[in-house]
């Protein structure tokens, strides 16, 4: 498969691993990772799935995740149930990234695309990292899927670009 496009069904058998948020922001407290069946969960939700090259990396931290934190209410007003960030980092690093950004609930989840399983499946990887991409899934249907191919750009995948497509 080469990417996803508007009109596609979200693929079957897509899972990510994450540590469910507990409200605790201590990044040194690790929880147990569990599987998240994205294919099943996305059937009953409107979700923005955002892939980043790596947690805590410059553009991902300074621009990308902060754009979603700043526009979370706007996204919810457009019917978005959840924003999910994925990267090749393990689920503990992703959980720490969420905590470091003050996320205490499940409005934004931080998950591992372990081994780049999903990103490889859709062909959106670069080496051992995901490309920077965003996918809007509305009750199992892809309504938007774009990659930012310019280094450091979040034009297509940041909250502002995604909001314009909702």
Protein backbone atom coordinates (compact mmCIF):
# COMPACT_ATOMS: atom_id res chain seq x y z
CA UNK A 1 0.00 0.00 0.00
CA UNK A 2 1.27 3.46 -0.77
CA UNK A 3 -0.28 5.93 1.61
CA UNK A 4 -3.92 6.48 2.32
CA UNK A 5 -6.30 8.89 0.64
CA UNK A 6 -9.68 10.43 1.31
CA UNK A 7 -12.41 7.89 0.69
CA UNK A 8 -10.34 4.87 1.78
CA UNK A 9 -11.49 2.72 4.66
CA UNK A 10 -9.04 2.73 7.54
CA UNK A 11 -7.12 -0.57 7.26
CA UNK A 12 -7.94 -3.65 9.32
CA UNK A 13 -5.59 -5.12 11.93
CA UNK A 14 -3.92 -1.85 12.98
CA UNK A 15 -2.78 -1.77 16.58
CA UNK A 16 -0.59 0.56 18.58
CA UNK A 17 0.82 0.27 22.10
CA UNK A 18 0.32 2.93 24.75
CA UNK A 19 0.24 3.63 28.45
CA UNK A 20 -3.22 4.92 29.36
CA UNK A 21 -3.09 8.33 31.05
CA UNK A 22 -3.85 8.36 34.77
CA UNK A 23 -3.76 12.09 35.45
CA UNK A 24 -0.26 11.73 36.93
CA UNK A 25 2.37 13.93 35.28
CA UNK A 26 5.49 12.38 36.81
CA UNK A 27 7.43 11.33 33.71
CA UNK A 28 9.53 8.90 35.74
CA UNK A 29 6.44 6.86 36.71
CA UNK A 30 5.96 4.17 34.09
CA UNK A 31 2.69 2.36 33.58
CA UNK A 32 2.08 -0.86 31.76
CA UNK A 33 1.66 -0.71 28.03
CA UNK A 34 -1.51 -2.06 26.45
CA UNK A 35 -2.67 -2.66 22.91
CA UNK A 36 -4.99 -0.17 21.23
CA UNK A 37 -6.99 -1.66 18.38
CA UNK A 38 -7.13 1.39 16.11
CA UNK A 39 -9.12 -0.39 13.41
CA UNK A 40 -11.88 -1.19 15.91
CA UNK A 41 -11.76 2.08 17.89
CA UNK A 42 -11.79 4.27 14.78
CA UNK A 43 -15.10 2.72 13.66
CA UNK A 44 -16.99 4.64 16.35
CA UNK A 45 -14.99 7.88 16.55
CA UNK A 46 -13.71 10.85 14.64
CA UNK A 47 -9.96 10.76 15.17
CA UNK A 48 -6.93 12.71 14.01
CA UNK A 49 -3.95 10.36 13.77
CA UNK A 50 -0.67 12.27 13.68
CA UNK A 51 2.67 10.59 13.00
CA UNK A 52 5.91 12.28 13.94
CA UNK A 53 9.54 11.27 13.38
CA UNK A 54 10.20 11.18 17.13
CA UNK A 55 9.01 12.23 20.56
CA UNK A 56 10.86 15.21 22.03
CA UNK A 57 12.55 16.03 18.71
CA UNK A 58 12.77 19.74 17.77
CA UNK A 59 9.92 20.25 15.28
CA UNK A 60 7.77 17.55 16.87
CA UNK A 61 7.99 19.18 20.30
CA UNK A 62 8.29 22.88 19.55
CA UNK A 63 5.74 23.12 16.72
CA UNK A 64 3.79 19.96 16.11
CA UNK A 65 2.43 18.73 19.45
CA UNK A 66 2.04 22.29 20.71
CA UNK A 67 -0.19 23.15 17.73
CA UNK A 68 -2.59 20.41 18.82
CA UNK A 69 -2.47 21.45 22.46
CA UNK A 70 -3.29 25.03 21.47
CA UNK A 71 -6.17 24.00 19.17
CA UNK A 72 -7.67 21.09 21.09
CA UNK A 73 -10.92 22.96 21.80
CA UNK A 74 -11.20 23.94 18.12
CA UNK A 75 -10.74 20.31 17.08
CA UNK A 76 -13.36 19.14 19.55
CA UNK A 77 -15.75 21.83 18.26
CA UNK A 78 -15.34 20.24 14.80
CA UNK A 79 -16.36 16.85 16.22
CA UNK A 80 -12.94 15.31 16.83
CA UNK A 81 -13.15 12.76 19.65
CA UNK A 82 -9.42 12.16 20.00
CA UNK A 83 -6.04 13.12 18.67
CA UNK A 84 -3.52 10.29 18.61
CA UNK A 85 0.19 10.88 18.15
CA UNK A 86 2.33 7.95 16.99
CA UNK A 87 6.06 7.56 16.52
CA UNK A 88 8.56 4.73 16.41
CA UNK A 89 9.50 5.45 20.03
CA UNK A 90 8.40 2.85 22.58
CA UNK A 91 5.20 3.36 24.54
CA UNK A 92 7.04 4.52 27.69
CA UNK A 93 8.77 7.34 25.83
CA UNK A 94 5.49 8.30 24.20
CA UNK A 95 3.74 8.31 27.60
CA UNK A 96 6.50 10.50 29.06
CA UNK A 97 6.13 12.87 26.10
CA UNK A 98 2.43 13.26 26.82
CA UNK A 99 3.09 13.87 30.51
CA UNK A 100 5.87 16.37 29.73
CA UNK A 101 3.29 18.32 27.72
CA UNK A 102 0.77 18.32 30.56
CA UNK A 103 -1.69 15.89 28.99
CA UNK A 104 -3.59 14.18 31.83
CA UNK A 105 -6.53 12.59 30.00
CA UNK A 106 -7.35 10.72 26.81
CA UNK A 107 -8.11 13.77 24.64
CA UNK A 108 -4.63 13.36 23.16
CA UNK A 109 -3.06 9.91 23.32
CA UNK A 110 0.59 9.17 22.69
CA UNK A 111 1.27 5.74 21.18
CA UNK A 112 4.02 3.63 19.74
CA UNK A 113 3.98 2.43 16.16
CA UNK A 114 6.34 -0.33 17.27
CA UNK A 115 8.65 -1.46 14.51
CA UNK A 116 6.88 1.07 12.27
CA UNK A 117 4.37 -1.66 11.53
CA UNK A 118 1.54 0.66 10.46
CA UNK A 119 3.69 3.34 8.85
CA UNK A 120 5.54 0.74 6.77
CA UNK A 121 2.23 -0.82 5.78
CA UNK A 122 1.09 2.46 4.23
CA UNK A 123 4.57 3.27 2.91
CA UNK A 124 5.07 6.43 4.96
CA UNK A 125 8.48 5.90 6.56
CA UNK A 126 11.94 7.30 6.17
CA UNK A 127 14.61 4.97 7.41
CA UNK A 128 13.78 3.92 10.96
CA UNK A 129 11.28 6.73 11.57
CA UNK A 130 7.80 7.62 10.42
CA UNK A 131 7.28 10.41 7.97
CA UNK A 132 5.40 13.40 9.38
CA UNK A 133 1.78 12.74 8.42
CA UNK A 134 -1.80 13.33 9.54
CA UNK A 135 -4.87 11.22 8.84
CA UNK A 136 -8.44 12.17 9.72
CA UNK A 137 -10.59 9.08 10.23
CA UNK A 138 -14.33 9.65 10.60
CA UNK A 139 -16.05 6.48 11.80
CA UNK A 140 -13.75 4.19 9.85
CA UNK A 141 -13.43 6.31 6.71
CA UNK A 142 -10.35 8.33 5.84
CA UNK A 143 -11.40 11.89 5.02
CA UNK A 144 -7.91 13.41 4.87
CA UNK A 145 -4.39 11.98 4.66
CA UNK A 146 -1.32 14.08 3.96
CA UNK A 147 2.43 14.05 4.48
CA UNK A 148 4.67 17.01 5.17
CA UNK A 149 7.72 16.35 3.03
CA UNK A 150 9.61 19.59 3.73
CA UNK A 151 11.88 19.20 6.74
CA UNK A 152 10.49 21.13 9.71
CA UNK A 153 7.15 21.90 8.05
CA UNK A 154 3.82 21.11 9.71
CA UNK A 155 1.75 22.87 7.05
CA UNK A 156 -0.32 19.77 6.18
CA UNK A 157 -0.07 17.90 9.46
CA UNK A 158 -0.22 20.53 12.19
CA UNK A 159 -3.49 21.37 13.91
CA UNK A 160 -4.11 24.44 11.71
CA UNK A 161 -3.77 22.45 8.49
CA UNK A 162 -5.95 19.65 9.81
CA UNK A 163 -8.60 22.08 11.10
CA UNK A 164 -8.90 23.51 7.60
CA UNK A 165 -9.85 20.02 6.35
CA UNK A 166 -12.46 19.19 9.01
